[in-house]
Amino acid sequence: MSDYSALSLPELEDRIAIVRDNIRQLIEQAAAVSGGQNEERNADRIAQQTEELEALVKERDGRKRG
């Protein structure tokens, strides 16, 4: 997991938007293709992006509270 503490709040917001868009695109790709290996790879990529999104949102929300 990355350390997002060096990012400014606007940079965090931008990164959150990018990751959300990545997840949307990965889901669209997963719906368009089939096959065990492709599905597994897409699932792994979606899981990684979701994990990053959660970390970014946690960092952002912590700053807004503090």
N, C-alpha and C. Protein backbone atom coordinates (compact mmCIF):
# COMPACT_ATOMS: atom_id res chain seq x y z
N MET A 1 0.84 -1.17 0.00
CA MET A 1 0.00 0.00 0.00
C MET A 1 0.89 1.23 0.00
N SER A 2 0.48 2.26 -0.66
CA SER A 2 1.26 3.49 -0.77
C SER A 2 0.99 4.41 0.40
N ASP A 3 1.93 5.33 0.61
CA ASP A 3 1.78 6.36 1.63
C ASP A 3 1.29 7.61 0.90
N TYR A 4 0.07 8.00 1.20
CA TYR A 4 -0.53 9.14 0.51
C TYR A 4 -0.42 10.43 1.31
N SER A 5 0.32 10.40 2.41
CA SER A 5 0.41 11.58 3.27
C SER A 5 1.10 12.75 2.58
N ALA A 6 1.91 12.49 1.59
CA ALA A 6 2.62 13.57 0.89
C ALA A 6 1.72 14.31 -0.10
N LEU A 7 0.57 13.73 -0.43
CA LEU A 7 -0.33 14.37 -1.39
C LEU A 7 -1.16 15.45 -0.72
N SER A 8 -1.40 16.52 -1.43
CA SER A 8 -2.30 17.57 -0.94
C SER A 8 -3.74 17.05 -1.06
N LEU A 9 -4.65 17.72 -0.40
CA LEU A 9 -6.06 17.32 -0.47
C LEU A 9 -6.58 17.34 -1.91
N PRO A 10 -6.30 18.37 -2.71
CA PRO A 10 -6.73 18.34 -4.11
C PRO A 10 -6.10 17.18 -4.90
N GLU A 11 -4.84 16.86 -4.60
CA GLU A 11 -4.20 15.73 -5.27
C GLU A 11 -4.86 14.41 -4.87
N LEU A 12 -5.24 14.29 -3.60
CA LEU A 12 -5.97 13.10 -3.15
C LEU A 12 -7.29 12.97 -3.89
N GLU A 13 -8.02 14.09 -3.99
CA GLU A 13 -9.31 14.08 -4.69
C GLU A 13 -9.13 13.67 -6.15
N ASP A 14 -8.10 14.18 -6.80
CA ASP A 14 -7.82 13.81 -8.19
C ASP A 14 -7.50 12.32 -8.30
N ARG A 15 -6.67 11.82 -7.39
CA ARG A 15 -6.30 10.40 -7.42
C ARG A 15 -7.51 9.51 -7.17
N ILE A 16 -8.39 9.93 -6.27
CA ILE A 16 -9.62 9.18 -6.01
C ILE A 16 -10.46 9.10 -7.28
N ALA A 17 -10.60 10.21 -7.98
CA ALA A 17 -11.37 10.23 -9.22
C ALA A 17 -10.75 9.31 -10.27
N ILE A 18 -9.43 9.32 -10.36
CA ILE A 18 -8.73 8.46 -11.33
C ILE A 18 -8.96 7.00 -11.00
N VAL A 19 -8.82 6.63 -9.74
CA VAL A 19 -8.97 5.23 -9.34
C VAL A 19 -10.41 4.78 -9.55
N ARG A 20 -11.37 5.63 -9.23
CA ARG A 20 -12.78 5.27 -9.47
C ARG A 20 -13.02 5.02 -10.96
N ASP A 21 -12.44 5.86 -11.80
CA ASP A 21 -12.59 5.67 -13.24
C ASP A 21 -11.90 4.38 -13.68
N ASN A 22 -10.73 4.09 -13.11
CA ASN A 22 -10.05 2.83 -13.43
C ASN A 22 -10.92 1.63 -13.10
N ILE A 23 -11.55 1.66 -11.93
CA ILE A 23 -12.42 0.57 -11.52
C ILE A 23 -13.59 0.43 -12.49
N ARG A 24 -14.18 1.56 -12.86
CA ARG A 24 -15.31 1.53 -13.81
C ARG A 24 -14.87 0.90 -15.13
N GLN A 25 -13.70 1.29 -15.63
CA GLN A 25 -13.20 0.74 -16.89
C GLN A 25 -12.90 -0.75 -16.78
N LEU A 26 -12.32 -1.16 -15.65
CA LEU A 26 -12.02 -2.58 -15.45
C LEU A 26 -13.29 -3.41 -15.41
N ILE A 27 -14.33 -2.89 -14.78
CA ILE A 27 -15.60 -3.61 -14.72
C ILE A 27 -16.18 -3.73 -16.12
N GLU A 28 -16.10 -2.67 -16.90
CA GLU A 28 -16.59 -2.72 -18.28
C GLU A 28 -15.80 -3.74 -19.10
N GLN A 29 -14.49 -3.76 -18.93
CA GLN A 29 -13.66 -4.73 -19.64
C GLN A 29 -14.00 -6.16 -19.23
N ALA A 30 -14.22 -6.35 -17.94
CA ALA A 30 -14.54 -7.68 -17.44
C ALA A 30 -15.86 -8.17 -18.02
N ALA A 31 -16.80 -7.26 -18.19
CA ALA A 31 -18.10 -7.65 -18.75
C ALA A 31 -17.98 -7.98 -20.23
N ALA A 32 -17.00 -7.40 -20.90
CA ALA A 32 -16.86 -7.60 -22.34
C ALA A 32 -16.09 -8.86 -22.73
N VAL A 33 -15.30 -9.38 -21.83
CA VAL A 33 -14.49 -10.55 -22.14
C VAL A 33 -14.83 -11.70 -21.21
N SER A 34 -14.52 -12.88 -21.66
CA SER A 34 -14.70 -14.04 -20.80
C SER A 34 -13.50 -14.94 -20.94
N GLY A 35 -13.38 -15.86 -20.05
CA GLY A 35 -12.25 -16.77 -20.04
C GLY A 35 -11.60 -16.73 -18.67
N GLY A 36 -11.25 -17.89 -18.16
CA GLY A 36 -10.74 -18.02 -16.81
C GLY A 36 -9.59 -17.10 -16.48
N GLN A 37 -8.57 -17.09 -17.31
CA GLN A 37 -7.38 -16.30 -17.02
C GLN A 37 -7.69 -14.80 -17.09
N ASN A 38 -8.46 -14.39 -18.09
CA ASN A 38 -8.83 -12.98 -18.20
C ASN A 38 -9.67 -12.53 -17.01
N GLU A 39 -10.62 -13.36 -16.61
CA GLU A 39 -11.49 -13.01 -15.50
C GLU A 39 -10.68 -12.90 -14.20
N GLU A 40 -9.75 -13.81 -14.00
CA GLU A 40 -8.93 -13.79 -12.80
C GLU A 40 -8.05 -12.54 -12.77
N ARG A 41 -7.45 -12.22 -13.90
CA ARG A 41 -6.60 -11.03 -13.99
C ARG A 41 -7.41 -9.77 -13.73
N ASN A 42 -8.61 -9.67 -14.34
CA ASN A 42 -9.46 -8.50 -14.10
C ASN A 42 -9.89 -8.42 -12.65
N ALA A 43 -10.23 -9.55 -12.06
CA ALA A 43 -10.64 -9.56 -10.65
C ALA A 43 -9.49 -9.08 -9.76
N ASP A 44 -8.28 -9.51 -10.05
CA ASP A 44 -7.11 -9.07 -9.28
C ASP A 44 -6.89 -7.56 -9.44
N ARG A 45 -7.03 -7.07 -10.65
CA ARG A 45 -6.82 -5.64 -10.90
C ARG A 45 -7.91 -4.80 -10.22
N ILE A 46 -9.15 -5.28 -10.26
CA ILE A 46 -10.24 -4.58 -9.60
C ILE A 46 -10.00 -4.56 -8.09
N ALA A 47 -9.58 -5.69 -7.53
CA ALA A 47 -9.30 -5.77 -6.10
C ALA A 47 -8.19 -4.80 -5.70
N GLN A 48 -7.14 -4.72 -6.51
CA GLN A 48 -6.02 -3.81 -6.22
C GLN A 48 -6.49 -2.36 -6.26
N GLN A 49 -7.26 -2.01 -7.27
CA GLN A 49 -7.74 -0.64 -7.41
C GLN A 49 -8.71 -0.30 -6.27
N THR A 50 -9.53 -1.25 -5.87
CA THR A 50 -10.47 -1.04 -4.77
C THR A 50 -9.71 -0.80 -3.46
N GLU A 51 -8.65 -1.56 -3.26
CA GLU A 51 -7.82 -1.39 -2.08
C GLU A 51 -7.18 0.00 -2.07
N GLU A 52 -6.68 0.43 -3.22
CA GLU A 52 -6.09 1.76 -3.31
C GLU A 52 -7.14 2.83 -3.05
N LEU A 53 -8.33 2.67 -3.62
CA LEU A 53 -9.40 3.64 -3.41
C LEU A 53 -9.74 3.76 -1.93
N GLU A 54 -9.85 2.63 -1.25
CA GLU A 54 -10.17 2.64 0.18
C GLU A 54 -9.10 3.39 0.98
N ALA A 55 -7.83 3.17 0.64
CA ALA A 55 -6.74 3.85 1.33
C ALA A 55 -6.77 5.36 1.07
N LEU A 56 -7.05 5.73 -0.16
CA LEU A 56 -7.12 7.15 -0.50
C LEU A 56 -8.27 7.84 0.23
N VAL A 57 -9.43 7.21 0.24
CA VAL A 57 -10.59 7.78 0.91
C VAL A 57 -10.33 7.89 2.41
N LYS A 58 -9.71 6.89 2.98
CA LYS A 58 -9.38 6.92 4.42
C LYS A 58 -8.44 8.09 4.72
N GLU A 59 -7.43 8.28 3.90
CA GLU A 59 -6.50 9.40 4.09
C GLU A 59 -7.23 10.73 3.97
N ARG A 60 -8.04 10.87 2.94
CA ARG A 60 -8.79 12.11 2.73
C ARG A 60 -9.74 12.40 3.88
N ASP A 61 -10.50 11.40 4.29
CA ASP A 61 -11.47 11.60 5.37
C ASP A 61 -10.77 11.92 6.69
N GLY A 62 -9.62 11.30 6.92
CA GLY A 62 -8.86 11.60 8.14
C GLY A 62 -8.42 13.05 8.17
N ARG A 63 -8.03 13.58 7.05
CA ARG A 63 -7.60 14.98 6.98
C ARG A 63 -8.77 15.93 7.18
N LYS A 64 -9.91 15.58 6.62
CA LYS A 64 -11.07 16.47 6.73
C LYS A 64 -11.58 16.52 8.18
N ARG A 65 -11.44 15.43 8.92
CA ARG A 65 -11.86 15.40 10.32
C ARG A 65 -10.87 16.15 11.21
N GLY A 66 -9.58 16.04 10.85
CA GLY A 66 -8.53 16.58 11.71
C GLY A 66 -8.22 17.97 11.40
